Structure formats: structure tokens, C-alpha cells
């Protein structure tokens, strides 16, 4: 609803993993380069972990868009599969089929395909998102797939992408054979304060907001404190902050708009209270939040300077 007001060509803070909006901060750049290294050097198993919302899926999609033409790929988004189903999903995603449904027949078809790809100087990559949800038996199937190799090279590179629980699962005794084969690992950390500001500015620029909308330094500080630098939460909070600014017809977002958004999102369950980070935001802007609560408690709304808070708070006018 605020897109036209801020002269934006598209919404800047969607939570979908659109590679066009990928901000290549230090950590994300390192992650992509390490994934490329693991693929190009045929390291077999590669693991990318990170907290929910740090941008793992977006990194994978950006990686897929920039791989060489001679790299065959399979992307599995639903890992809640049994071992046989997982194998069939991998072969299907690579465009392969088998006359029989046995594990051996699918492994044979896959092996023949991978040998042909390698013979023509190509490579093959299987990416499994949300890999922390894979069962131990499914992970064992992936180990069997990784056994497809020549004397010198791994025929397929398997990238496991998941939340921190994936590291715990791989560290169990049951999966020690698989864990020992993982040479390349990267743990994606949240953005720092400087990167958070650059991330917000980057997304606004991509969306077409060249100077038409701005987050002040204090607002960026508040966003960073509230979200801990997690990109998905930054998106959610900035989107709500833009809505708050739109209602006030402001084109510069300040700490008060962020505080109102934090309060609203806390009520919606996005933030738990008290939570590390946004407590500091709430303390610094208590007068604004108290004002919003006071205004919401009255029927007609409350007018304070340039700020008009609607009858039921700004939540009802959200898109």
C-alpha cells in the first residue's frame, strides 16, 4: 500500500528468497565462494548452516543462477522423504528415469548419467534445503549416492543446507561415517550493524527507492537491536516501519516508527518479550509507544504534532 507513496517500483522487503535482492555482505559472499569452491574442487559433501532467516535459501538460489552451463543441478526443497523416495526425487530432478523402481536400478541410472557428465568435463550438484529434517536413513542414502565416484573425483557434489540442528544431527554416532566425509562447512552468521544499514539501503535501491525513502541512523540502530541482524526479521520489521511512516506521510523512517513496528510485531508473535535486542529499542522510545497505546485506548484517535495514530492503531491498515 505504501509503494506508490515512496515512489518504489516494487516492494523492497518481501521475505521470499529473490536472488535479485541478495545483499552480498562479507558473510554471504564467503558462503557463496566456499560453496563454489566445494563444487569446483569436487569435495563431495558440503554443509551450509545458519539460523532461521539468515539467507541460506537465497544464497542457494543465487548460486544455482550463476553455475556454469555444464553443471547439472537438482534442488530438493522438501526433505521429509524416506530414503528410497529421496533417491527417486534426486534422479527425477536430474531428468532421469528408470524402468524399475528398485534402489539399485535408480543408483545404476544415476551412476551412468554422472559418468557421462564427468566424461564431458561437467559436474553435478544436489542441493537439499532444510536438511535438518532429513532422517538418519535418508542421510545414509545420501552417503551411498556420494559413493558414486571415480578413482580421482566425486561424481556428485551434495550440499546440505539447514538450521544449526543439522550440525547436532551430523555429530551423532549413528552418522559418524557421513560426518567424517564433510570437508567443506560454513556457518552463516547474522549481519552486523554496518551490514544491516547497507542491507536496508541495498534493498530500497533495488526496489527503485533512489532517495525517495530513507531509514535514519537511529532507525537502523533500532532495527539492528530488534532483529539481531537476521535478514528475514529485518525485512518484516522494515516493511512494518514503512507502513507506519506512510500513515504519517513521512519519507524518513525514524526510531519512533521502528518502535511502533516492534510493538505491533511483538503483539503478532514475531518477537517474544522480553527478548534480547528490542528491549533496548523499547526503553529508548517508551514515550512513543506509550503514546500509541494511549491513542489506541481512545475511540477517536489522538493527535500529537505531525503524528496521527488511527483509532485502532496502525495495524488495521496494514496490507
C-alpha atoms as a PDB file:
ATOM      1  CA  UNK A   1       0.000   0.000   0.000  1.00  0.00           C
ATOM      2  CA  UNK A   2       2.968   2.360   0.541  1.00  0.00           C
ATOM      3  CA  UNK A   3       4.741   1.522  -2.728  1.00  0.00           C
ATOM      4  CA  UNK A   4       3.338   4.464  -4.697  1.00  0.00           C
ATOM      5  CA  UNK A   5       3.871   6.924  -1.846  1.00  0.00           C
ATOM      6  CA  UNK A   6       7.581   6.103  -1.642  1.00  0.00           C
ATOM      7  CA  UNK A   7       7.973   6.007  -5.461  1.00  0.00           C
ATOM      8  CA  UNK A   8       9.038   2.349  -5.357  1.00  0.00           C
ATOM      9  CA  UNK A   9       8.846   0.116  -8.424  1.00  0.00           C
ATOM     10  CA  UNK A  10       8.270  -2.953  -6.243  1.00  0.00           C
ATOM     11  CA  UNK A  11       8.034  -3.930  -2.595  1.00  0.00           C
ATOM     12  CA  UNK A  12      11.552  -3.837  -1.104  1.00  0.00           C
ATOM     13  CA  UNK A  13      11.143  -6.135   1.878  1.00  0.00           C
ATOM     14  CA  UNK A  14       9.435  -9.287   0.657  1.00  0.00           C
ATOM     15  CA  UNK A  15      10.506 -12.362   2.649  1.00  0.00           C
ATOM     16  CA  UNK A  16      10.653 -14.598  -0.439  1.00  0.00           C
ATOM     17  CA  UNK A  17      14.188 -15.686  -1.431  1.00  0.00           C
ATOM     18  CA  UNK A  18      14.579 -13.486  -4.528  1.00  0.00           C
ATOM     19  CA  UNK A  19      18.249 -13.577  -5.683  1.00  0.00           C
ATOM     20  CA  UNK A  20      17.805 -10.109  -7.212  1.00  0.00           C
ATOM     21  CA  UNK A  21      17.650  -8.687  -3.686  1.00  0.00           C
ATOM     22  CA  UNK A  22      20.597 -10.713  -2.398  1.00  0.00           C
ATOM     23  CA  UNK A  23      22.885  -8.462  -0.394  1.00  0.00           C
ATOM     24  CA  UNK A  24      26.419  -9.777  -0.638  1.00  0.00           C
ATOM     25  CA  UNK A  25      27.810  -8.848   2.739  1.00  0.00           C
ATOM     26  CA  UNK A  26      31.056 -10.366   3.918  1.00  0.00           C
ATOM     27  CA  UNK A  27      29.425 -13.488   5.339  1.00  0.00           C
ATOM     28  CA  UNK A  28      27.142 -14.164   2.374  1.00  0.00           C
ATOM     29  CA  UNK A  29      29.989 -13.603  -0.074  1.00  0.00           C
ATOM     30  CA  UNK A  30      32.186 -16.028   1.875  1.00  0.00           C
ATOM     31  CA  UNK A  31      29.386 -18.601   1.901  1.00  0.00           C
ATOM     32  CA  UNK A  32      28.860 -18.440  -1.873  1.00  0.00           C
ATOM     33  CA  UNK A  33      32.584 -18.592  -2.598  1.00  0.00           C
ATOM     34  CA  UNK A  34      33.017 -21.591  -0.311  1.00  0.00           C
ATOM     35  CA  UNK A  35      30.106 -23.394  -1.973  1.00  0.00           C
ATOM     36  CA  UNK A  36      31.652 -22.708  -5.385  1.00  0.00           C
ATOM     37  CA  UNK A  37      34.997 -23.973  -4.137  1.00  0.00           C
ATOM     38  CA  UNK A  38      33.430 -27.188  -2.869  1.00  0.00           C
ATOM     39  CA  UNK A  39      31.680 -27.736  -6.200  1.00  0.00           C
ATOM     40  CA  UNK A  40      34.625 -26.880  -8.454  1.00  0.00           C
ATOM     41  CA  UNK A  41      37.079 -28.970  -6.425  1.00  0.00           C
ATOM     42  CA  UNK A  42      34.600 -31.861  -6.244  1.00  0.00           C
ATOM     43  CA  UNK A  43      34.670 -32.112  -2.462  1.00  0.00           C
ATOM     44  CA  UNK A  44      31.613 -34.366  -2.282  1.00  0.00           C
ATOM     45  CA  UNK A  45      29.697 -33.228   0.788  1.00  0.00           C
ATOM     46  CA  UNK A  46      29.282 -29.534   1.617  1.00  0.00           C
ATOM     47  CA  UNK A  47      27.304 -28.205   4.590  1.00  0.00           C
ATOM     48  CA  UNK A  48      25.841 -24.705   4.977  1.00  0.00           C
ATOM     49  CA  UNK A  49      24.151 -23.954   8.297  1.00  0.00           C
ATOM     50  CA  UNK A  50      22.639 -20.851   9.858  1.00  0.00           C
ATOM     51  CA  UNK A  51      19.795 -19.617  11.992  1.00  0.00           C
ATOM     52  CA  UNK A  52      16.292 -19.273  10.569  1.00  0.00           C
ATOM     53  CA  UNK A  53      16.078 -16.252   8.275  1.00  0.00           C
ATOM     54  CA  UNK A  54      19.794 -15.637   7.739  1.00  0.00           C
ATOM     55  CA  UNK A  55      19.509 -16.061   3.958  1.00  0.00           C
ATOM     56  CA  UNK A  56      20.584 -19.657   3.284  1.00  0.00           C
ATOM     57  CA  UNK A  57      17.892 -20.386   0.696  1.00  0.00           C
ATOM     58  CA  UNK A  58      18.527 -17.105  -1.122  1.00  0.00           C
ATOM     59  CA  UNK A  59      22.235 -17.951  -1.296  1.00  0.00           C
ATOM     60  CA  UNK A  60      21.419 -21.343  -2.816  1.00  0.00           C
ATOM     61  CA  UNK A  61      19.167 -19.820  -5.468  1.00  0.00           C
ATOM     62  CA  UNK A  62      21.791 -17.216  -6.318  1.00  0.00           C
ATOM     63  CA  UNK A  63      24.385 -19.975  -6.562  1.00  0.00           C
ATOM     64  CA  UNK A  64      22.218 -22.003  -8.938  1.00  0.00           C
ATOM     65  CA  UNK A  65      21.721 -18.996 -11.200  1.00  0.00           C
ATOM     66  CA  UNK A  66      25.473 -18.479 -11.534  1.00  0.00           C
ATOM     67  CA  UNK A  67      26.790 -22.002 -12.024  1.00  0.00           C
ATOM     68  CA  UNK A  68      28.422 -22.911 -15.325  1.00  0.00           C
ATOM     69  CA  UNK A  69      26.249 -24.362 -18.079  1.00  0.00           C
ATOM     70  CA  UNK A  70      27.995 -27.729 -17.781  1.00  0.00           C
ATOM     71  CA  UNK A  71      26.852 -28.204 -14.164  1.00  0.00           C
ATOM     72  CA  UNK A  72      23.761 -30.391 -13.768  1.00  0.00           C
ATOM     73  CA  UNK A  73      21.687 -29.475 -10.722  1.00  0.00           C
ATOM     74  CA  UNK A  74      18.926 -30.817  -8.516  1.00  0.00           C
ATOM     75  CA  UNK A  75      17.243 -28.726  -5.822  1.00  0.00           C
ATOM     76  CA  UNK A  76      15.202 -30.529  -3.191  1.00  0.00           C
ATOM     77  CA  UNK A  77      13.058 -28.264  -1.019  1.00  0.00           C
ATOM     78  CA  UNK A  78      11.068 -30.952   0.778  1.00  0.00           C
ATOM     79  CA  UNK A  79      13.427 -33.258   2.674  1.00  0.00           C
ATOM     80  CA  UNK A  80      10.660 -35.086   4.552  1.00  0.00           C
ATOM     81  CA  UNK A  81      11.240 -38.155   2.429  1.00  0.00           C
ATOM     82  CA  UNK A  82      12.142 -41.749   3.061  1.00  0.00           C
ATOM     83  CA  UNK A  83      15.497 -42.945   1.685  1.00  0.00           C
ATOM     84  CA  UNK A  84      14.011 -44.551  -1.447  1.00  0.00           C
ATOM     85  CA  UNK A  85      11.829 -41.508  -2.123  1.00  0.00           C
ATOM     86  CA  UNK A  86      14.832 -39.238  -1.732  1.00  0.00           C
ATOM     87  CA  UNK A  87      16.823 -41.224  -4.295  1.00  0.00           C
ATOM     88  CA  UNK A  88      13.933 -41.166  -6.780  1.00  0.00           C
ATOM     89  CA  UNK A  89      13.486 -37.431  -6.217  1.00  0.00           C
ATOM     90  CA  UNK A  90      17.169 -36.811  -6.974  1.00  0.00           C
ATOM     91  CA  UNK A  91      17.066 -38.829 -10.201  1.00  0.00           C
ATOM     92  CA  UNK A  92      13.780 -37.219 -11.253  1.00  0.00           C
ATOM     93  CA  UNK A  93      15.083 -33.695 -10.618  1.00  0.00           C
ATOM     94  CA  UNK A  94      18.082 -34.511 -12.821  1.00  0.00           C
ATOM     95  CA  UNK A  95      15.696 -35.566 -15.580  1.00  0.00           C
ATOM     96  CA  UNK A  96      16.376 -39.288 -15.217  1.00  0.00           C
ATOM     97  CA  UNK A  97      14.019 -42.244 -15.111  1.00  0.00           C
ATOM     98  CA  UNK A  98      14.279 -45.967 -14.580  1.00  0.00           C
ATOM     99  CA  UNK A  99      12.166 -48.863 -15.849  1.00  0.00           C
ATOM    100  CA  UNK A 100      12.408 -50.410 -12.402  1.00  0.00           C
ATOM    101  CA  UNK A 101      11.699 -48.847  -9.031  1.00  0.00           C
ATOM    102  CA  UNK A 102      14.410 -50.617  -7.036  1.00  0.00           C
ATOM    103  CA  UNK A 103      17.179 -48.687  -5.284  1.00  0.00           C
ATOM    104  CA  UNK A 104      19.802 -50.497  -7.362  1.00  0.00           C
ATOM    105  CA  UNK A 105      18.189 -49.559 -10.674  1.00  0.00           C
ATOM    106  CA  UNK A 106      17.994 -45.889  -9.739  1.00  0.00           C
ATOM    107  CA  UNK A 107      21.587 -45.884  -8.486  1.00  0.00           C
ATOM    108  CA  UNK A 108      22.698 -47.532 -11.737  1.00  0.00           C
ATOM    109  CA  UNK A 109      20.868 -44.946 -13.848  1.00  0.00           C
ATOM    110  CA  UNK A 110      22.327 -42.148 -11.744  1.00  0.00           C
ATOM    111  CA  UNK A 111      25.843 -43.589 -11.940  1.00  0.00           C
ATOM    112  CA  UNK A 112      25.682 -43.896 -15.740  1.00  0.00           C
ATOM    113  CA  UNK A 113      24.446 -40.313 -16.029  1.00  0.00           C
ATOM    114  CA  UNK A 114      27.159 -38.936 -13.722  1.00  0.00           C
ATOM    115  CA  UNK A 115      29.933 -40.789 -15.532  1.00  0.00           C
ATOM    116  CA  UNK A 116      28.729 -39.300 -18.809  1.00  0.00           C
ATOM    117  CA  UNK A 117      28.615 -35.798 -17.326  1.00  0.00           C
ATOM    118  CA  UNK A 118      32.127 -36.155 -15.928  1.00  0.00           C
ATOM    119  CA  UNK A 119      33.456 -37.557 -19.208  1.00  0.00           C
ATOM    120  CA  UNK A 120      32.247 -34.379 -20.931  1.00  0.00           C
ATOM    121  CA  UNK A 121      34.039 -32.196 -18.335  1.00  0.00           C
ATOM    122  CA  UNK A 122      30.846 -31.400 -16.474  1.00  0.00           C
ATOM    123  CA  UNK A 123      29.768 -31.650 -12.865  1.00  0.00           C
ATOM    124  CA  UNK A 124      26.614 -32.443 -10.893  1.00  0.00           C
ATOM    125  CA  UNK A 125      25.245 -30.761  -7.772  1.00  0.00           C
ATOM    126  CA  UNK A 126      22.411 -31.830  -5.474  1.00  0.00           C
ATOM    127  CA  UNK A 127      21.206 -29.166  -3.020  1.00  0.00           C
ATOM    128  CA  UNK A 128      18.932 -30.181  -0.173  1.00  0.00           C
ATOM    129  CA  UNK A 129      17.311 -27.331   1.741  1.00  0.00           C
ATOM    130  CA  UNK A 130      16.023 -27.691   5.313  1.00  0.00           C
ATOM    131  CA  UNK A 131      18.334 -30.679   5.610  1.00  0.00           C
ATOM    132  CA  UNK A 132      17.962 -30.778   9.400  1.00  0.00           C
ATOM    133  CA  UNK A 133      14.649 -32.539   8.691  1.00  0.00           C
ATOM    134  CA  UNK A 134      16.285 -35.466   6.897  1.00  0.00           C
ATOM    135  CA  UNK A 135      16.017 -38.751   8.727  1.00  0.00           C
ATOM    136  CA  UNK A 136      19.124 -40.757   9.590  1.00  0.00           C
ATOM    137  CA  UNK A 137      18.144 -43.304   6.917  1.00  0.00           C
ATOM    138  CA  UNK A 138      17.738 -40.582   4.288  1.00  0.00           C
ATOM    139  CA  UNK A 139      21.150 -39.178   5.189  1.00  0.00           C
ATOM    140  CA  UNK A 140      22.590 -42.662   4.861  1.00  0.00           C
ATOM    141  CA  UNK A 141      21.114 -42.834   1.363  1.00  0.00           C
ATOM    142  CA  UNK A 142      22.944 -39.618   0.515  1.00  0.00           C
ATOM    143  CA  UNK A 143      26.158 -41.259   1.700  1.00  0.00           C
ATOM    144  CA  UNK A 144      25.505 -44.127  -0.700  1.00  0.00           C
ATOM    145  CA  UNK A 145      24.909 -41.640  -3.529  1.00  0.00           C
ATOM    146  CA  UNK A 146      28.197 -39.948  -2.665  1.00  0.00           C
ATOM    147  CA  UNK A 147      29.938 -43.311  -3.142  1.00  0.00           C
ATOM    148  CA  UNK A 148      29.444 -42.824  -6.871  1.00  0.00           C
ATOM    149  CA  UNK A 149      32.967 -41.757  -7.786  1.00  0.00           C
ATOM    150  CA  UNK A 150      35.970 -42.445  -9.942  1.00  0.00           C
ATOM    151  CA  UNK A 151      39.473 -43.111  -8.636  1.00  0.00           C
ATOM    152  CA  UNK A 152      40.120 -39.363  -8.663  1.00  0.00           C
ATOM    153  CA  UNK A 153      36.835 -37.490  -8.477  1.00  0.00           C
ATOM    154  CA  UNK A 154      33.490 -37.381  -6.731  1.00  0.00           C
ATOM    155  CA  UNK A 155      30.839 -37.637  -9.429  1.00  0.00           C
ATOM    156  CA  UNK A 156      28.240 -35.639  -7.499  1.00  0.00           C
ATOM    157  CA  UNK A 157      28.543 -32.783  -5.026  1.00  0.00           C
ATOM    158  CA  UNK A 158      25.891 -32.799  -2.296  1.00  0.00           C
ATOM    159  CA  UNK A 159      25.123 -29.547  -0.468  1.00  0.00           C
ATOM    160  CA  UNK A 160      23.204 -29.881   2.790  1.00  0.00           C
ATOM    161  CA  UNK A 161      21.574 -26.607   3.852  1.00  0.00           C
ATOM    162  CA  UNK A 162      19.956 -26.372   7.247  1.00  0.00           C
ATOM    163  CA  UNK A 163      19.464 -24.833  10.647  1.00  0.00           C
ATOM    164  CA  UNK A 164      22.001 -25.314  13.486  1.00  0.00           C
ATOM    165  CA  UNK A 165      20.223 -28.549  14.459  1.00  0.00           C
ATOM    166  CA  UNK A 166      21.763 -30.092  11.341  1.00  0.00           C
ATOM    167  CA  UNK A 167      25.211 -29.879  12.944  1.00  0.00           C
ATOM    168  CA  UNK A 168      23.908 -31.676  16.030  1.00  0.00           C
ATOM    169  CA  UNK A 169      22.355 -34.414  13.900  1.00  0.00           C
ATOM    170  CA  UNK A 170      25.509 -34.955  11.871  1.00  0.00           C
ATOM    171  CA  UNK A 171      27.520 -35.142  15.086  1.00  0.00           C
ATOM    172  CA  UNK A 172      25.688 -38.226  16.354  1.00  0.00           C
ATOM    173  CA  UNK A 173      27.471 -41.556  16.484  1.00  0.00           C
ATOM    174  CA  UNK A 174      24.956 -43.046  14.072  1.00  0.00           C
ATOM    175  CA  UNK A 175      26.037 -40.653  11.315  1.00  0.00           C
ATOM    176  CA  UNK A 176      29.779 -40.539  12.028  1.00  0.00           C
ATOM    177  CA  UNK A 177      30.643 -42.108   8.661  1.00  0.00           C
ATOM    178  CA  UNK A 178      28.826 -39.345   6.842  1.00  0.00           C
ATOM    179  CA  UNK A 179      30.128 -36.612   9.144  1.00  0.00           C
ATOM    180  CA  UNK A 180      33.728 -37.638   8.501  1.00  0.00           C
ATOM    181  CA  UNK A 181      33.224 -37.131   4.769  1.00  0.00           C
ATOM    182  CA  UNK A 182      32.197 -33.497   5.081  1.00  0.00           C
ATOM    183  CA  UNK A 183      35.228 -31.427   4.151  1.00  0.00           C
ATOM    184  CA  UNK A 184      33.611 -28.056   3.429  1.00  0.00           C
ATOM    185  CA  UNK A 185      31.437 -26.410   6.089  1.00  0.00           C
ATOM    186  CA  UNK A 186      30.198 -22.868   6.626  1.00  0.00           C
ATOM    187  CA  UNK A 187      28.047 -21.418   9.389  1.00  0.00           C
ATOM    188  CA  UNK A 188      26.218 -18.301   8.179  1.00  0.00           C
ATOM    189  CA  UNK A 189      26.102 -15.638  10.899  1.00  0.00           C
ATOM    190  CA  UNK A 190      23.634 -12.709  11.030  1.00  0.00           C
ATOM    191  CA  UNK A 191      24.580  -9.279   9.694  1.00  0.00           C
ATOM    192  CA  UNK A 192      26.444  -6.819  11.909  1.00  0.00           C
ATOM    193  CA  UNK A 193      25.275  -3.229  12.484  1.00  0.00           C
ATOM    194  CA  UNK A 194      27.118  -1.779   9.490  1.00  0.00           C
ATOM    195  CA  UNK A 195      25.883  -4.543   7.201  1.00  0.00           C
ATOM    196  CA  UNK A 196      22.318  -4.082   8.461  1.00  0.00           C
ATOM    197  CA  UNK A 197      22.332  -0.462   7.287  1.00  0.00           C
ATOM    198  CA  UNK A 198      23.863  -1.419   3.939  1.00  0.00           C
ATOM    199  CA  UNK A 199      21.343  -4.258   3.568  1.00  0.00           C
ATOM    200  CA  UNK A 200      18.368  -1.925   4.079  1.00  0.00           C
ATOM    201  CA  UNK A 201      19.788   0.639   1.677  1.00  0.00           C
ATOM    202  CA  UNK A 202      20.549  -2.046  -0.923  1.00  0.00           C
ATOM    203  CA  UNK A 203      17.007  -3.430  -0.920  1.00  0.00           C
ATOM    204  CA  UNK A 204      15.488   0.032  -1.186  1.00  0.00           C
ATOM    205  CA  UNK A 205      17.773   0.810  -4.129  1.00  0.00           C
ATOM    206  CA  UNK A 206      16.896  -2.428  -5.947  1.00  0.00           C
ATOM    207  CA  UNK A 207      13.209  -1.655  -5.418  1.00  0.00           C
ATOM    208  CA  UNK A 208      13.668   1.720  -7.073  1.00  0.00           C
ATOM    209  CA  UNK A 209      13.753   3.928  -3.993  1.00  0.00           C
ATOM    210  CA  UNK A 210      16.600   6.212  -5.063  1.00  0.00           C
ATOM    211  CA  UNK A 211      16.438   8.859  -2.353  1.00  0.00           C
ATOM    212  CA  UNK A 212      12.646   8.738  -2.086  1.00  0.00           C
ATOM    213  CA  UNK A 213      12.744   6.947   1.262  1.00  0.00           C
ATOM    214  CA  UNK A 214      15.392   6.710   3.937  1.00  0.00           C
ATOM    215  CA  UNK A 215      15.997   4.983   7.254  1.00  0.00           C
ATOM    216  CA  UNK A 216      17.750   7.348   9.661  1.00  0.00           C
ATOM    217  CA  UNK A 217      20.804   6.157  11.572  1.00  0.00           C
ATOM    218  CA  UNK A 218      18.844   5.869  14.815  1.00  0.00           C
ATOM    219  CA  UNK A 219      16.211   3.822  12.977  1.00  0.00           C
ATOM    220  CA  UNK A 220      18.879   1.475  11.639  1.00  0.00           C
ATOM    221  CA  UNK A 221      20.279   1.121  15.167  1.00  0.00           C
ATOM    222  CA  UNK A 222      16.800   0.200  16.378  1.00  0.00           C
ATOM    223  CA  UNK A 223      16.253  -2.287  13.546  1.00  0.00           C
ATOM    224  CA  UNK A 224      19.581  -3.961  14.281  1.00  0.00           C
ATOM    225  CA  UNK A 225      18.888  -4.187  18.009  1.00  0.00           C
ATOM    226  CA  UNK A 226      15.435  -5.620  17.458  1.00  0.00           C
ATOM    227  CA  UNK A 227      16.373  -8.205  14.816  1.00  0.00           C
ATOM    228  CA  UNK A 228      19.913  -9.167  15.777  1.00  0.00           C
ATOM    229  CA  UNK A 229      20.879  -8.701  12.130  1.00  0.00           C
ATOM    230  CA  UNK A 230      18.760 -11.592  10.799  1.00  0.00           C
ATOM    231  CA  UNK A 231      17.722 -10.598   7.249  1.00  0.00           C
ATOM    232  CA  UNK A 232      14.218 -12.083   7.322  1.00  0.00           C
ATOM    233  CA  UNK A 233      13.367 -10.265  10.534  1.00  0.00           C
ATOM    234  CA  UNK A 234      14.895  -7.073   9.124  1.00  0.00           C
ATOM    235  CA  UNK A 235      12.536  -7.421   6.145  1.00  0.00           C
ATOM    236  CA  UNK A 236       9.478  -7.920   8.332  1.00  0.00           C
ATOM    237  CA  UNK A 237      10.357  -5.031  10.653  1.00  0.00           C
ATOM    238  CA  UNK A 238      11.306  -2.604   7.861  1.00  0.00           C
ATOM    239  CA  UNK A 239       8.108  -3.377   5.953  1.00  0.00           C
ATOM    240  CA  UNK A 240       6.032  -2.600   9.037  1.00  0.00           C
ATOM    241  CA  UNK A 241       8.112   0.532   9.745  1.00  0.00           C
ATOM    242  CA  UNK A 242       7.479   1.797   6.203  1.00  0.00           C
ATOM    243  CA  UNK A 243       3.770   1.306   6.790  1.00  0.00           C
ATOM    244  CA  UNK A 244       3.984   3.366   9.977  1.00  0.00           C
ATOM    245  CA  UNK A 245       5.821   6.149   8.123  1.00  0.00           C
ATOM    246  CA  UNK A 246       3.320   6.041   5.259  1.00  0.00           C
ATOM    247  CA  UNK A 247       0.441   6.619   7.652  1.00  0.00           C
ATOM    248  CA  UNK A 248       2.229   9.726   8.929  1.00  0.00           C
ATOM    249  CA  UNK A 249       3.186  10.789   5.371  1.00  0.00           C
ATOM    250  CA  UNK A 250       6.860  10.694   6.345  1.00  0.00           C
ATOM    251  CA  UNK A 251       9.587   9.696   3.902  1.00  0.00           C
ATOM    252  CA  UNK A 252      12.305   9.330   6.500  1.00  0.00           C
ATOM    253  CA  UNK A 253      11.837   6.472   8.934  1.00  0.00           C
ATOM    254  CA  UNK A 254      12.892   7.299  12.460  1.00  0.00           C
ATOM    255  CA  UNK A 255      13.286   5.329  15.664  1.00  0.00           C
ATOM    256  CA  UNK A 256       9.665   6.031  16.653  1.00  0.00           C
ATOM    257  CA  UNK A 257       8.320   4.265  13.548  1.00  0.00           C
ATOM    258  CA  UNK A 258      10.567   1.289  14.224  1.00  0.00           C
ATOM    259  CA  UNK A 259       9.449   1.214  17.855  1.00  0.00           C
ATOM    260  CA  UNK A 260       5.780   1.194  16.849  1.00  0.00           C
ATOM    261  CA  UNK A 261       6.527  -1.631  14.408  1.00  0.00           C
ATOM    262  CA  UNK A 262       8.349  -3.616  17.103  1.00  0.00           C
ATOM    263  CA  UNK A 263       5.410  -3.213  19.455  1.00  0.00           C
ATOM    264  CA  UNK A 264       2.975  -4.282  16.747  1.00  0.00           C
ATOM    265  CA  UNK A 265       5.089  -7.276  15.737  1.00  0.00           C
ATOM    266  CA  UNK A 266       5.524  -8.326  19.347  1.00  0.00           C
ATOM    267  CA  UNK A 267       1.757  -8.484  19.596  1.00  0.00           C
ATOM    268  CA  UNK A 268       1.656 -10.546  16.410  1.00  0.00           C
ATOM    269  CA  UNK A 269       4.140 -13.031  17.850  1.00  0.00           C
ATOM    270  CA  UNK A 270       7.151 -12.192  15.657  1.00  0.00           C
ATOM    271  CA  UNK A 271       9.111 -11.037  18.686  1.00  0.00           C
ATOM    272  CA  UNK A 272       8.908 -12.572  22.138  1.00  0.00           C
ATOM    273  CA  UNK A 273       9.039 -10.235  25.086  1.00  0.00           C
ATOM    274  CA  UNK A 274      11.313  -9.608  26.756  1.00  0.00           C
ATOM    275  CA  UNK A 275      13.786 -10.575  24.033  1.00  0.00           C
ATOM    276  CA  UNK A 276      17.418  -9.669  23.607  1.00  0.00           C
ATOM    277  CA  UNK A 277      17.718  -6.739  21.240  1.00  0.00           C
ATOM    278  CA  UNK A 278      14.389  -4.991  21.035  1.00  0.00           C
ATOM    279  CA  UNK A 279      14.187  -4.399  24.792  1.00  0.00           C
ATOM    280  CA  UNK A 280      16.743  -1.636  24.286  1.00  0.00           C
ATOM    281  CA  UNK A 281      14.644  -0.176  21.495  1.00  0.00           C
ATOM    282  CA  UNK A 282      11.535  -0.168  23.652  1.00  0.00           C
ATOM    283  CA  UNK A 283      13.316   1.507  26.557  1.00  0.00           C
ATOM    284  CA  UNK A 284      14.654   4.338  24.428  1.00  0.00           C
ATOM    285  CA  UNK A 285      11.343   5.086  22.761  1.00  0.00           C
ATOM    286  CA  UNK A 286       8.917   4.430  25.598  1.00  0.00           C
ATOM    287  CA  UNK A 287       7.219   7.823  25.115  1.00  0.00           C
ATOM    288  CA  UNK A 288       6.271   6.937  21.524  1.00  0.00           C
ATOM    289  CA  UNK A 289       4.948   3.514  22.468  1.00  0.00           C
ATOM    290  CA  UNK A 290       3.057   4.876  25.433  1.00  0.00           C
ATOM    291  CA  UNK A 291       1.511   7.456  23.140  1.00  0.00           C
ATOM    292  CA  UNK A 292       0.449   4.794  20.645  1.00  0.00           C
ATOM    293  CA  UNK A 293      -1.124   2.700  23.415  1.00  0.00           C
ATOM    294  CA  UNK A 294      -2.893   5.753  24.844  1.00  0.00           C
ATOM    295  CA  UNK A 295      -4.253   6.711  21.446  1.00  0.00           C
ATOM    296  CA  UNK A 296      -5.442   3.188  20.743  1.00  0.00           C
ATOM    297  CA  UNK A 297      -7.327   3.136  24.035  1.00  0.00           C
ATOM    298  CA  UNK A 298      -9.478   6.082  22.985  1.00  0.00           C
ATOM    299  CA  UNK A 299     -12.130   5.920  20.329  1.00  0.00           C
ATOM    300  CA  UNK A 300     -11.409   8.908  18.128  1.00  0.00           C
ATOM    301  CA  UNK A 301      -7.636   8.693  17.875  1.00  0.00           C
ATOM    302  CA  UNK A 302      -5.020  11.032  19.307  1.00  0.00           C
ATOM    303  CA  UNK A 303      -3.265  13.864  17.566  1.00  0.00           C
ATOM    304  CA  UNK A 304       0.269  14.828  18.583  1.00  0.00           C
ATOM    305  CA  UNK A 305       2.146  17.256  16.380  1.00  0.00           C
ATOM    306  CA  UNK A 306       2.566  15.743  12.917  1.00  0.00           C
ATOM    307  CA  UNK A 307       1.753  12.261  14.155  1.00  0.00           C
ATOM    308  CA  UNK A 308      -1.791  10.921  13.784  1.00  0.00           C
ATOM    309  CA  UNK A 309      -2.436   7.489  15.232  1.00  0.00           C
ATOM    310  CA  UNK A 310      -5.603   5.893  13.968  1.00  0.00           C
ATOM    311  CA  UNK A 311      -8.480   4.753  16.087  1.00  0.00           C
ATOM    312  CA  UNK A 312      -7.246   1.152  16.449  1.00  0.00           C
ATOM    313  CA  UNK A 313      -3.531   1.644  15.913  1.00  0.00           C
ATOM    314  CA  UNK A 314      -1.901   1.329  12.512  1.00  0.00           C
ATOM    315  CA  UNK A 315      -2.281  -2.447  12.477  1.00  0.00           C
ATOM    316  CA  UNK A 316      -5.672  -2.442  10.710  1.00  0.00           C
ATOM    317  CA  UNK A 317      -4.360  -0.566   7.718  1.00  0.00           C
ATOM    318  CA  UNK A 318      -1.540  -2.980   7.020  1.00  0.00           C
ATOM    319  CA  UNK A 319      -1.574  -4.714   3.628  1.00  0.00           C
END
